[in-house]
Amino acid sequence: MIDGNLGQHFQRNLPHVDWQRVENSAVGRGVPDLNGCYNSVEFWIENKQTEGWKVGLRPEQSAWAARRARAGGRVFFAVRRHCRVGPRRVAADELYLFGAHQGQELLLGNLRTVEPLGKWVGRPADWDWAEIQEILISDRA
């Protein structure tokens, strides 16, 4: 579960979006996992999961997002921080959403140092999917 099942959660909770999962090995390095289109707005989402604060973003993923954004595309990084209770760890299930312009910051920093476009806490069913959709299709990114 390298992506925290985020693709499935997006598809289940935003069913009116036309979704296409992307098999990265078939299309090229850095291409995001998920493509969506709603109300004439197309966007891409790279899904990541972490148990800590560091996001396992690869340089080619950040570069692809930056290049596509410069061409007018909409690209996001969705990060699920999902961890169980441990001796020095509090349980968490959170979604962070970042814009393409934040890819380099995510490579160099972590979830504590980069301000997300949005953050939701609790199980995926509790995340504010209307707000998530608004970020994906609005000019806020």
N, C-alpha and C. Protein backbone atom coordinates (compact mmCIF):
# COMPACT_ATOMS: atom_id res chain seq x y z
N MET A 1 0.86 -1.19 0.00
CA MET A 1 0.00 0.00 0.00
C MET A 1 0.89 1.24 0.00
N ILE A 2 1.69 1.37 -1.06
CA ILE A 2 2.64 2.47 -1.17
C ILE A 2 1.95 3.82 -1.29
N ASP A 3 0.70 3.82 -1.79
CA ASP A 3 -0.01 5.09 -1.96
C ASP A 3 -1.16 5.25 -0.97
N GLY A 4 -1.24 4.41 0.04
CA GLY A 4 -2.27 4.54 1.06
C GLY A 4 -3.68 4.33 0.53
N ASN A 5 -3.79 3.62 -0.58
CA ASN A 5 -5.09 3.41 -1.25
C ASN A 5 -5.76 4.72 -1.60
N LEU A 6 -5.00 5.77 -1.78
CA LEU A 6 -5.59 7.08 -2.05
C LEU A 6 -6.35 7.10 -3.37
N GLY A 7 -5.86 6.41 -4.38
CA GLY A 7 -6.57 6.36 -5.65
C GLY A 7 -7.99 5.83 -5.47
N GLN A 8 -8.12 4.77 -4.71
CA GLN A 8 -9.44 4.20 -4.44
C GLN A 8 -10.31 5.16 -3.64
N HIS A 9 -9.72 5.85 -2.67
CA HIS A 9 -10.50 6.80 -1.87
C HIS A 9 -10.98 7.97 -2.70
N PHE A 10 -10.13 8.51 -3.57
CA PHE A 10 -10.56 9.59 -4.45
C PHE A 10 -11.70 9.12 -5.35
N GLN A 11 -11.56 7.95 -5.95
CA GLN A 11 -12.58 7.45 -6.86
C GLN A 11 -13.90 7.16 -6.14
N ARG A 12 -13.82 6.61 -4.95
CA ARG A 12 -15.03 6.28 -4.20
C ARG A 12 -15.75 7.52 -3.69
N ASN A 13 -15.02 8.52 -3.24
CA ASN A 13 -15.62 9.68 -2.61
C ASN A 13 -15.91 10.84 -3.55
N LEU A 14 -15.37 10.78 -4.76
CA LEU A 14 -15.68 11.78 -5.79
C LEU A 14 -16.11 11.02 -7.05
N PRO A 15 -17.26 10.31 -6.97
CA PRO A 15 -17.66 9.42 -8.06
C PRO A 15 -18.07 10.13 -9.35
N HIS A 16 -18.41 11.39 -9.29
CA HIS A 16 -18.83 12.15 -10.47
C HIS A 16 -17.64 12.64 -11.30
N VAL A 17 -16.43 12.49 -10.77
CA VAL A 17 -15.22 12.83 -11.53
C VAL A 17 -14.92 11.66 -12.47
N ASP A 18 -14.51 11.96 -13.69
CA ASP A 18 -14.08 10.92 -14.62
C ASP A 18 -12.63 10.62 -14.31
N TRP A 19 -12.37 9.44 -13.72
CA TRP A 19 -11.04 9.07 -13.25
C TRP A 19 -10.35 8.12 -14.21
N GLN A 20 -9.04 8.23 -14.28
CA GLN A 20 -8.21 7.27 -15.00
C GLN A 20 -6.96 7.00 -14.17
N ARG A 21 -6.82 5.75 -13.73
CA ARG A 21 -5.59 5.36 -13.04
C ARG A 21 -4.50 5.22 -14.09
N VAL A 22 -3.28 5.59 -13.74
CA VAL A 22 -2.17 5.58 -14.68
C VAL A 22 -1.13 4.59 -14.19
N GLU A 23 -0.77 3.66 -15.06
CA GLU A 23 0.31 2.72 -14.76
C GLU A 23 1.61 3.38 -15.19
N ASN A 24 2.36 3.88 -14.24
CA ASN A 24 3.52 4.72 -14.54
C ASN A 24 4.58 4.05 -15.40
N SER A 25 4.78 2.76 -15.23
CA SER A 25 5.82 2.11 -16.02
C SER A 25 5.49 2.12 -17.51
N ALA A 26 4.22 2.26 -17.86
CA ALA A 26 3.82 2.22 -19.26
C ALA A 26 3.90 3.60 -19.92
N VAL A 27 3.85 4.68 -19.16
CA VAL A 27 3.77 6.01 -19.77
C VAL A 27 5.00 6.89 -19.54
N GLY A 28 5.83 6.57 -18.60
CA GLY A 28 7.03 7.38 -18.41
C GLY A 28 7.27 7.74 -16.95
N ARG A 29 8.51 8.08 -16.68
CA ARG A 29 8.93 8.40 -15.31
C ARG A 29 8.33 9.72 -14.85
N GLY A 30 7.81 9.71 -13.63
CA GLY A 30 7.33 10.94 -13.03
C GLY A 30 5.86 11.23 -13.25
N VAL A 31 5.20 10.52 -14.16
CA VAL A 31 3.78 10.77 -14.43
C VAL A 31 2.96 10.36 -13.20
N PRO A 32 2.05 11.22 -12.74
CA PRO A 32 1.25 10.91 -11.54
C PRO A 32 0.38 9.67 -11.69
N ASP A 33 -0.09 9.17 -10.54
CA ASP A 33 -0.86 7.93 -10.45
C ASP A 33 -2.28 8.05 -10.96
N LEU A 34 -2.83 9.25 -10.90
CA LEU A 34 -4.26 9.39 -11.12
C LEU A 34 -4.55 10.65 -11.93
N ASN A 35 -5.42 10.51 -12.91
CA ASN A 35 -5.87 11.65 -13.71
C ASN A 35 -7.37 11.77 -13.53
N GLY A 36 -7.85 13.00 -13.34
CA GLY A 36 -9.28 13.23 -13.18
C GLY A 36 -9.73 14.40 -14.02
N CYS A 37 -11.03 14.38 -14.37
CA CYS A 37 -11.61 15.49 -15.10
C CYS A 37 -13.03 15.70 -14.59
N TYR A 38 -13.34 16.93 -14.24
CA TYR A 38 -14.68 17.27 -13.76
C TYR A 38 -15.04 18.68 -14.23
N ASN A 39 -16.20 18.81 -14.82
CA ASN A 39 -16.70 20.12 -15.22
C ASN A 39 -15.69 20.87 -16.09
N SER A 40 -15.12 20.15 -17.05
CA SER A 40 -14.15 20.69 -18.00
C SER A 40 -12.79 21.05 -17.39
N VAL A 41 -12.52 20.61 -16.17
CA VAL A 41 -11.23 20.87 -15.53
C VAL A 41 -10.51 19.54 -15.36
N GLU A 42 -9.32 19.44 -15.94
CA GLU A 42 -8.53 18.22 -15.84
C GLU A 42 -7.40 18.43 -14.84
N PHE A 43 -7.10 17.38 -14.08
CA PHE A 43 -6.03 17.47 -13.08
C PHE A 43 -5.38 16.11 -12.88
N TRP A 44 -4.18 16.17 -12.33
CA TRP A 44 -3.37 14.98 -12.05
C TRP A 44 -3.08 14.95 -10.55
N ILE A 45 -3.01 13.73 -10.00
CA ILE A 45 -2.68 13.58 -8.57
C ILE A 45 -1.63 12.49 -8.41
N GLU A 46 -0.53 12.84 -7.77
CA GLU A 46 0.47 11.86 -7.36
C GLU A 46 0.16 11.48 -5.92
N ASN A 47 -0.11 10.20 -5.67
CA ASN A 47 -0.50 9.72 -4.34
C ASN A 47 0.70 9.13 -3.60
N LYS A 48 0.85 9.53 -2.35
CA LYS A 48 1.94 9.03 -1.50
C LYS A 48 1.40 8.69 -0.12
N GLN A 49 2.08 7.76 0.54
CA GLN A 49 1.77 7.46 1.94
C GLN A 49 3.06 7.47 2.74
N THR A 50 2.95 7.91 3.98
CA THR A 50 4.10 7.88 4.89
C THR A 50 3.59 7.57 6.28
N GLU A 51 4.46 6.97 7.08
CA GLU A 51 4.14 6.76 8.49
C GLU A 51 4.72 7.87 9.34
N GLY A 52 5.68 8.59 8.80
CA GLY A 52 6.33 9.67 9.54
C GLY A 52 6.00 11.01 8.92
N TRP A 53 7.03 11.82 8.76
CA TRP A 53 6.83 13.18 8.24
C TRP A 53 7.43 13.37 6.85
N LYS A 54 8.37 12.53 6.48
CA LYS A 54 9.04 12.64 5.18
C LYS A 54 8.18 12.02 4.09
N VAL A 55 8.07 12.71 2.97
CA VAL A 55 7.30 12.24 1.83
C VAL A 55 8.27 11.59 0.84
N GLY A 56 7.96 10.40 0.39
CA GLY A 56 8.84 9.67 -0.53
C GLY A 56 8.68 10.12 -1.97
N LEU A 57 8.77 11.40 -2.20
CA LEU A 57 8.62 11.95 -3.54
C LEU A 57 9.96 11.84 -4.27
N ARG A 58 9.89 11.43 -5.53
CA ARG A 58 11.11 11.31 -6.32
C ARG A 58 11.33 12.58 -7.14
N PRO A 59 12.57 12.92 -7.43
CA PRO A 59 12.86 14.14 -8.21
C PRO A 59 12.12 14.20 -9.54
N GLU A 60 12.00 13.06 -10.23
CA GLU A 60 11.31 13.08 -11.53
C GLU A 60 9.82 13.36 -11.37
N GLN A 61 9.23 13.01 -10.22
CA GLN A 61 7.82 13.32 -9.98
C GLN A 61 7.63 14.82 -9.76
N SER A 62 8.51 15.42 -9.00
CA SER A 62 8.46 16.86 -8.79
C SER A 62 8.71 17.60 -10.10
N ALA A 63 9.66 17.12 -10.88
CA ALA A 63 9.99 17.78 -12.16
C ALA A 63 8.83 17.68 -13.14
N TRP A 64 8.18 16.51 -13.22
CA TRP A 64 7.04 16.35 -14.13
C TRP A 64 5.93 17.32 -13.74
N ALA A 65 5.64 17.40 -12.45
CA ALA A 65 4.58 18.28 -11.96
C ALA A 65 4.89 19.74 -12.28
N ALA A 66 6.13 20.16 -12.06
CA ALA A 66 6.51 21.55 -12.32
C ALA A 66 6.42 21.86 -13.82
N ARG A 67 6.88 20.93 -14.65
CA ARG A 67 6.84 21.13 -16.10
C ARG A 67 5.39 21.23 -16.59
N ARG A 68 4.53 20.34 -16.10
CA ARG A 68 3.12 20.36 -16.52
C ARG A 68 2.43 21.63 -16.03
N ALA A 69 2.74 22.05 -14.81
CA ALA A 69 2.14 23.29 -14.27
C ALA A 69 2.57 24.50 -15.09
N ARG A 70 3.83 24.55 -15.52
CA ARG A 70 4.30 25.66 -16.36
C ARG A 70 3.54 25.71 -17.69
N ALA A 71 3.05 24.55 -18.15
CA ALA A 71 2.29 24.48 -19.39
C ALA A 71 0.80 24.72 -19.17
N GLY A 72 0.43 25.02 -17.91
CA GLY A 72 -0.97 25.31 -17.62
C GLY A 72 -1.75 24.17 -17.02
N GLY A 73 -1.09 23.04 -16.77
CA GLY A 73 -1.77 21.89 -16.19
C GLY A 73 -1.94 22.01 -14.68
N ARG A 74 -2.84 21.20 -14.15
CA ARG A 74 -3.12 21.18 -12.71
C ARG A 74 -2.59 19.86 -12.15
N VAL A 75 -1.64 19.93 -11.23
CA VAL A 75 -1.02 18.74 -10.65
C VAL A 75 -0.98 18.91 -9.14
N PHE A 76 -1.28 17.81 -8.44
CA PHE A 76 -1.31 17.83 -6.98
C PHE A 76 -0.54 16.63 -6.43
N PHE A 77 -0.07 16.80 -5.21
CA PHE A 77 0.52 15.71 -4.45
C PHE A 77 -0.41 15.45 -3.27
N ALA A 78 -0.99 14.25 -3.21
CA ALA A 78 -1.83 13.85 -2.08
C ALA A 78 -1.00 12.93 -1.21
N VAL A 79 -0.87 13.27 0.07
CA VAL A 79 -0.04 12.48 0.98
C VAL A 79 -0.90 12.03 2.16
N ARG A 80 -0.94 10.73 2.35
CA ARG A 80 -1.64 10.18 3.50
C ARG A 80 -0.61 9.81 4.56
N ARG A 81 -0.70 10.47 5.71
CA ARG A 81 0.16 10.09 6.85
C ARG A 81 -0.69 9.16 7.70
N HIS A 82 -0.32 7.89 7.66
CA HIS A 82 -1.10 6.86 8.32
C HIS A 82 -0.17 6.00 9.15
N CYS A 83 -0.30 6.10 10.45
CA CYS A 83 0.57 5.31 11.31
C CYS A 83 -0.18 4.83 12.54
N ARG A 84 0.29 3.72 13.06
CA ARG A 84 -0.30 3.12 14.26
C ARG A 84 0.43 3.65 15.49
N VAL A 85 -0.18 3.42 16.63
CA VAL A 85 0.42 3.83 17.89
C VAL A 85 1.69 3.03 18.12
N GLY A 86 2.71 3.69 18.62
CA GLY A 86 3.97 3.05 18.95
C GLY A 86 4.52 3.64 20.22
N PRO A 87 5.68 3.17 20.67
CA PRO A 87 6.26 3.67 21.91
C PRO A 87 6.48 5.18 21.90
N ARG A 88 6.83 5.73 20.74
CA ARG A 88 7.07 7.17 20.63
C ARG A 88 6.23 7.79 19.53
N ARG A 89 5.08 7.17 19.23
CA ARG A 89 4.29 7.65 18.10
C ARG A 89 2.81 7.64 18.45
N VAL A 90 2.15 8.71 18.08
CA VAL A 90 0.70 8.81 18.25
C VAL A 90 0.05 8.35 16.94
N ALA A 91 -1.03 7.61 17.05
CA ALA A 91 -1.72 7.15 15.85
C ALA A 91 -2.20 8.35 15.03
N ALA A 92 -2.15 8.21 13.71
CA ALA A 92 -2.60 9.29 12.83
C ALA A 92 -3.16 8.71 11.54
N ASP A 93 -4.15 9.37 11.01
CA ASP A 93 -4.64 9.12 9.66
C ASP A 93 -5.05 10.48 9.13
N GLU A 94 -4.20 11.03 8.27
CA GLU A 94 -4.37 12.40 7.79
C GLU A 94 -4.12 12.45 6.29
N LEU A 95 -4.80 13.38 5.63
CA LEU A 95 -4.56 13.64 4.23
C LEU A 95 -4.04 15.06 4.09
N TYR A 96 -2.95 15.22 3.34
CA TYR A 96 -2.38 16.52 3.01
C TYR A 96 -2.45 16.66 1.50
N LEU A 97 -2.83 17.83 1.03
CA LEU A 97 -2.88 18.09 -0.40
C LEU A 97 -1.98 19.28 -0.72
N PHE A 98 -1.06 19.07 -1.66
CA PHE A 98 -0.09 20.09 -2.07
C PHE A 98 -0.22 20.36 -3.56
N GLY A 99 0.16 21.55 -3.98
CA GLY A 99 0.17 21.90 -5.39
C GLY A 99 1.49 21.56 -6.05
N ALA A 100 1.49 21.56 -7.38
CA ALA A 100 2.70 21.24 -8.15
C ALA A 100 3.86 22.14 -7.76
N HIS A 101 3.58 23.40 -7.47
CA HIS A 101 4.63 24.36 -7.13
C HIS A 101 5.34 24.03 -5.82
N GLN A 102 4.81 23.07 -5.07
CA GLN A 102 5.40 22.71 -3.78
C GLN A 102 6.24 21.43 -3.85
N GLY A 103 6.37 20.87 -5.04
CA GLY A 103 7.12 19.61 -5.19
C GLY A 103 8.55 19.70 -4.70
N GLN A 104 9.25 20.75 -5.09
CA GLN A 104 10.66 20.91 -4.67
C GLN A 104 10.75 21.05 -3.14
N GLU A 105 9.82 21.79 -2.56
CA GLU A 105 9.79 21.94 -1.10
C GLU A 105 9.58 20.59 -0.42
N LEU A 106 8.71 19.76 -0.98
CA LEU A 106 8.46 18.43 -0.40
C LEU A 106 9.68 17.53 -0.51
N LEU A 107 10.42 17.68 -1.61
CA LEU A 107 11.66 16.90 -1.77
C LEU A 107 12.67 17.24 -0.67
N LEU A 108 12.77 18.52 -0.37
CA LEU A 108 13.78 19.00 0.58
C LEU A 108 13.29 19.02 2.03
N GLY A 109 11.97 19.14 2.21
CA GLY A 109 11.41 19.26 3.56
C GLY A 109 10.56 18.07 3.93
N ASN A 110 9.51 18.36 4.68
CA ASN A 110 8.60 17.30 5.11
C ASN A 110 7.23 17.90 5.43
N LEU A 111 6.33 17.08 5.92
CA LEU A 111 4.97 17.52 6.19
C LEU A 111 4.89 18.60 7.27
N ARG A 112 5.92 18.70 8.07
CA ARG A 112 5.94 19.74 9.11
C ARG A 112 6.45 21.08 8.59
N THR A 113 7.18 21.06 7.47
CA THR A 113 7.82 22.29 7.01
C THR A 113 7.17 22.91 5.77
N VAL A 114 6.27 22.18 5.12
CA VAL A 114 5.62 22.68 3.91
C VAL A 114 4.13 22.88 4.21
N GLU A 115 3.64 24.07 3.96
CA GLU A 115 2.24 24.40 4.24
C GLU A 115 1.34 23.81 3.16
N PRO A 116 0.43 22.89 3.50
CA PRO A 116 -0.42 22.28 2.48
C PRO A 116 -1.55 23.20 2.01
N LEU A 117 -2.11 22.89 0.86
CA LEU A 117 -3.30 23.58 0.39
C LEU A 117 -4.49 23.20 1.28
N GLY A 118 -4.43 22.00 1.83
CA GLY A 118 -5.47 21.52 2.74
C GLY A 118 -4.98 20.33 3.52
N LYS A 119 -5.57 20.13 4.71
CA LYS A 119 -5.23 19.01 5.57
C LYS A 119 -6.51 18.52 6.23
N TRP A 120 -6.69 17.20 6.22
CA TRP A 120 -7.87 16.60 6.81
C TRP A 120 -7.45 15.47 7.73
N VAL A 121 -8.11 15.37 8.87
CA VAL A 121 -7.74 14.41 9.91
C VAL A 121 -8.89 13.42 10.10
N GLY A 122 -8.55 12.20 10.42
CA GLY A 122 -9.54 11.16 10.66
C GLY A 122 -9.53 10.16 9.52
N ARG A 123 -10.44 9.24 9.56
CA ARG A 123 -10.54 8.23 8.51
C ARG A 123 -10.93 8.90 7.18
N PRO A 124 -10.61 8.26 6.06
CA PRO A 124 -10.95 8.84 4.76
C PRO A 124 -12.43 9.21 4.62
N ALA A 125 -13.32 8.45 5.21
CA ALA A 125 -14.75 8.77 5.13
C ALA A 125 -15.06 10.09 5.82
N ASP A 126 -14.20 10.52 6.75
CA ASP A 126 -14.41 11.76 7.49
C ASP A 126 -13.80 12.99 6.81
N TRP A 127 -12.94 12.77 5.81
CA TRP A 127 -12.30 13.90 5.15
C TRP A 127 -13.36 14.70 4.39
N ASP A 128 -13.18 15.98 4.29
CA ASP A 128 -14.15 16.86 3.64
C ASP A 128 -13.94 16.79 2.12
N TRP A 129 -14.61 15.84 1.49
CA TRP A 129 -14.41 15.60 0.07
C TRP A 129 -14.91 16.75 -0.79
N ALA A 130 -15.91 17.48 -0.34
CA ALA A 130 -16.37 18.66 -1.10
C ALA A 130 -15.26 19.71 -1.14
N GLU A 131 -14.58 19.90 -0.02
CA GLU A 131 -13.47 20.86 0.02
C GLU A 131 -12.30 20.37 -0.84
N ILE A 132 -12.02 19.08 -0.77
CA ILE A 132 -10.95 18.50 -1.58
C ILE A 132 -11.24 18.73 -3.06
N GLN A 133 -12.47 18.45 -3.47
CA GLN A 133 -12.85 18.66 -4.87
C GLN A 133 -12.70 20.12 -5.25
N GLU A 134 -13.10 21.01 -4.39
CA GLU A 134 -13.01 22.44 -4.69
C GLU A 134 -11.55 22.84 -4.94
N ILE A 135 -10.63 22.31 -4.15
CA ILE A 135 -9.21 22.62 -4.36
C ILE A 135 -8.74 22.06 -5.70
N LEU A 136 -9.17 20.85 -6.03
CA LEU A 136 -8.73 20.22 -7.28
C LEU A 136 -9.19 20.97 -8.52
N ILE A 137 -10.36 21.58 -8.47
CA ILE A 137 -10.89 22.22 -9.68
C ILE A 137 -10.87 23.74 -9.65
N SER A 138 -10.55 24.33 -8.51
CA SER A 138 -10.54 25.79 -8.43
C SER A 138 -9.17 26.34 -8.79
N ASP A 139 -9.04 27.64 -8.75
CA ASP A 139 -7.75 28.29 -9.03
C ASP A 139 -6.92 28.47 -7.78
N ARG A 140 -7.28 27.81 -6.67
CA ARG A 140 -6.55 27.97 -5.42
C ARG A 140 -5.15 27.39 -5.48
N ALA A 141 -4.93 26.42 -6.34
CA ALA A 141 -3.61 25.77 -6.42
C ALA A 141 -2.65 26.68 -7.12
